[in-house]
Amino acid sequence: MAKKKSGGQGTPATVALTAAGVEFGVHAYEHDPAAASYGTEAAEALGIPAERVFKTLLAEVDSRLAVAVVPVSGQLDLKALATALGGKRAAMADPAAAERSTGYVLGGISPLGQRRPLPTVLDTSALAHPTVYVSAGRRGLEVSLTPADLIRLTAATTAPIGR
């Protein structure tokens, strides 16, 4: 897979990937504002199995923000996320706090290139795929990369946090 650059599509996520020298693909699609699920929309629009497309969710674990990256085909197990981070309680983060912390808008939050690094947990199912797809930092734009590169660039741990 070769690095792909598209004019006008640079985001903090693609800038971070380029700066790291990581091979990645950029995959654009026409976002439908009426779509019920951003992740499912991406999988369908790009013709990719939903278990290879991962959504980036922000949660509060013991009152501290954390990032969970899980397949769009499932849900985040908040208790498993808390356990993975050595916490007791987890709840979904306030959407405005998620946007402020990451610098991205909902539906376009990428685990890469966030304003400040947060503890990140990637669901172990990602390890079963040669590449996975995550938001490139805006609605209608995904990047594909190896799970190992995603783990390295986000300093993520892996745990079974999806259900």
Protein backbone atom coordinates (compact mmCIF):
# COMPACT_ATOMS: atom_id res chain seq x y z
CA MET A 1 0.00 0.00 0.00
CA ALA A 2 1.51 3.31 -1.02
CA LYS A 3 1.18 6.64 0.64
CA LYS A 4 -1.54 8.58 -1.11
CA LYS A 5 -1.83 12.32 -1.05
CA SER A 6 -4.83 14.21 -2.25
CA GLY A 7 -4.91 17.94 -2.69
CA GLY A 8 -7.07 19.76 -0.18
CA GLN A 9 -7.57 16.72 2.03
CA GLY A 10 -4.78 17.32 4.53
CA THR A 11 -5.94 16.93 8.12
CA PRO A 12 -3.97 16.72 11.35
CA ALA A 13 -4.30 12.91 11.04
CA THR A 14 -2.84 12.71 7.52
CA VAL A 15 -0.14 15.24 8.44
CA ALA A 16 0.83 13.07 11.44
CA LEU A 17 0.93 9.93 9.26
CA THR A 18 3.06 11.65 6.63
CA ALA A 19 5.44 13.07 9.26
CA ALA A 20 5.84 9.59 10.77
CA GLY A 21 6.72 8.13 7.36
CA VAL A 22 3.93 5.57 7.64
CA GLU A 23 2.37 3.96 4.59
CA PHE A 24 -1.33 4.73 4.50
CA GLY A 25 -4.21 5.07 2.10
CA VAL A 26 -6.65 7.98 1.91
CA HIS A 27 -10.23 7.05 1.06
CA ALA A 28 -12.78 9.78 0.39
CA TYR A 29 -16.51 9.32 -0.04
CA GLU A 30 -19.53 11.59 -0.26
CA HIS A 31 -20.82 12.04 3.30
CA ASP A 32 -24.60 12.05 3.69
CA PRO A 33 -25.60 14.37 6.57
CA ALA A 34 -28.69 12.20 7.10
CA ALA A 35 -26.64 9.02 7.69
CA ALA A 36 -27.61 7.29 10.93
CA SER A 37 -24.07 6.01 11.61
CA TYR A 38 -20.89 7.66 10.34
CA GLY A 39 -18.89 4.43 10.59
CA THR A 40 -21.44 2.22 8.86
CA GLU A 41 -21.80 4.87 6.17
CA ALA A 42 -18.02 4.79 5.59
CA ALA A 43 -17.94 0.98 5.36
CA GLU A 44 -20.83 0.90 2.89
CA ALA A 45 -19.60 3.82 0.78
CA LEU A 46 -16.10 2.35 0.50
CA GLY A 47 -17.24 -1.27 0.09
CA ILE A 48 -15.24 -2.44 3.11
CA PRO A 49 -16.38 -5.04 5.64
CA ALA A 50 -17.64 -3.18 8.75
CA GLU A 51 -15.35 -5.20 11.03
CA ARG A 52 -12.33 -3.48 9.37
CA VAL A 53 -13.68 0.05 9.85
CA PHE A 54 -13.08 1.42 13.35
CA LYS A 55 -14.79 4.29 15.11
CA THR A 56 -13.03 6.59 17.53
CA LEU A 57 -14.98 7.24 20.71
CA LEU A 58 -14.10 9.42 23.67
CA ALA A 59 -15.01 8.31 27.15
CA GLU A 60 -14.31 9.47 30.66
CA VAL A 61 -12.57 6.85 32.75
CA ASP A 62 -12.53 7.88 36.39
CA SER A 63 -13.22 11.48 35.24
CA ARG A 64 -10.30 11.54 32.76
CA LEU A 65 -10.71 11.51 28.99
CA ALA A 66 -9.62 8.42 27.07
CA VAL A 67 -9.91 7.21 23.49
CA ALA A 68 -11.53 3.91 22.51
CA VAL A 69 -11.16 2.56 18.96
CA VAL A 70 -13.68 -0.17 18.17
CA PRO A 71 -15.23 -1.71 15.04
CA VAL A 72 -18.21 0.18 13.65
CA SER A 73 -20.02 -3.15 13.51
CA GLY A 74 -20.24 -3.28 17.32
CA GLN A 75 -20.36 -1.19 20.45
CA LEU A 76 -17.93 -0.05 23.09
CA ASP A 77 -17.98 -2.02 26.34
CA LEU A 78 -17.43 0.78 28.86
CA LYS A 79 -16.65 -1.59 31.71
CA ALA A 80 -13.97 -3.33 29.61
CA LEU A 81 -12.49 0.06 28.68
CA ALA A 82 -12.28 1.08 32.35
CA THR A 83 -10.60 -2.24 33.17
CA ALA A 84 -8.13 -1.88 30.28
CA LEU A 85 -7.08 1.53 31.63
CA GLY A 86 -6.94 0.41 35.26
CA GLY A 87 -10.01 2.44 36.14
CA LYS A 88 -13.22 1.75 37.98
CA ARG A 89 -15.89 3.62 36.00
CA ALA A 90 -16.29 4.74 32.42
CA ALA A 91 -18.95 6.81 30.70
CA MET A 92 -19.18 8.35 27.27
CA ALA A 93 -17.59 11.80 27.17
CA ASP A 94 -19.60 14.95 26.63
CA PRO A 95 -19.61 15.58 22.86
CA ALA A 96 -18.41 19.18 23.26
CA ALA A 97 -15.54 18.03 25.50
CA ALA A 98 -14.59 15.39 22.91
CA GLU A 99 -14.47 18.00 20.15
CA ARG A 100 -12.50 20.50 22.29
CA SER A 101 -9.97 17.90 23.38
CA THR A 102 -9.34 16.34 19.97
CA GLY A 103 -9.76 19.32 17.66
CA TYR A 104 -12.13 17.28 15.49
CA VAL A 105 -15.91 17.34 15.00
CA LEU A 106 -18.12 14.38 15.90
CA GLY A 107 -18.25 11.92 13.06
CA GLY A 108 -14.75 12.95 12.04
CA ILE A 109 -12.76 12.27 15.20
CA SER A 110 -9.56 10.47 14.35
CA PRO A 111 -7.36 8.63 16.84
CA LEU A 112 -4.43 10.26 15.01
CA GLY A 113 -3.30 13.88 15.14
CA GLN A 114 -5.37 14.89 18.16
CA ARG A 115 -4.58 18.17 19.92
CA ARG A 116 -3.16 16.37 22.92
CA PRO A 117 -2.39 12.70 23.43
CA LEU A 118 -4.92 10.78 25.48
CA PRO A 119 -4.76 7.21 26.79
CA THR A 120 -5.92 5.10 23.84
CA VAL A 121 -7.21 1.52 23.70
CA LEU A 122 -7.66 -0.33 20.41
CA ASP A 123 -10.00 -3.31 20.34
CA THR A 124 -8.00 -6.53 19.90
CA SER A 125 -10.10 -7.48 16.85
CA ALA A 126 -7.99 -5.00 14.84
CA LEU A 127 -5.05 -7.37 15.08
CA ALA A 128 -6.85 -9.89 12.86
CA HIS A 129 -6.69 -7.57 9.83
CA PRO A 130 -3.73 -6.58 7.64
CA THR A 131 -5.08 -3.00 7.55
CA VAL A 132 -7.83 -1.16 9.36
CA TYR A 133 -9.70 2.02 8.49
CA VAL A 134 -10.16 4.96 10.86
CA SER A 135 -11.37 8.50 10.37
CA ALA A 136 -8.86 10.76 8.70
CA GLY A 137 -10.17 13.71 10.67
CA ARG A 138 -13.27 14.79 8.83
CA ARG A 139 -16.57 13.31 7.79
CA GLY A 140 -16.27 11.55 4.44
CA LEU A 141 -12.56 10.78 4.75
CA GLU A 142 -10.92 7.60 6.06
CA VAL A 143 -7.33 6.41 6.25
CA SER A 144 -6.18 2.80 6.07
CA LEU A 145 -3.06 1.64 7.88
CA THR A 146 -1.69 -1.40 9.64
CA PRO A 147 -2.87 -2.05 13.20
CA ALA A 148 0.78 -1.99 14.30
CA ASP A 149 1.26 1.54 12.93
CA LEU A 150 -1.99 2.69 14.55
CA ILE A 151 -0.85 1.28 17.89
CA ARG A 152 2.59 2.84 17.59
CA LEU A 153 1.39 6.30 16.53
CA THR A 154 -1.28 6.55 19.24
CA ALA A 155 0.71 4.72 21.95
CA ALA A 156 -2.39 2.53 22.25
CA THR A 157 -2.83 -0.58 24.30
CA THR A 158 -4.99 -3.38 22.94
CA ALA A 159 -7.81 -5.02 24.84
CA PRO A 160 -11.16 -6.66 24.08
CA ILE A 161 -13.25 -3.48 24.52
CA GLY A 162 -15.80 -4.07 21.77
CA ARG A 163 -18.93 -6.15 21.93
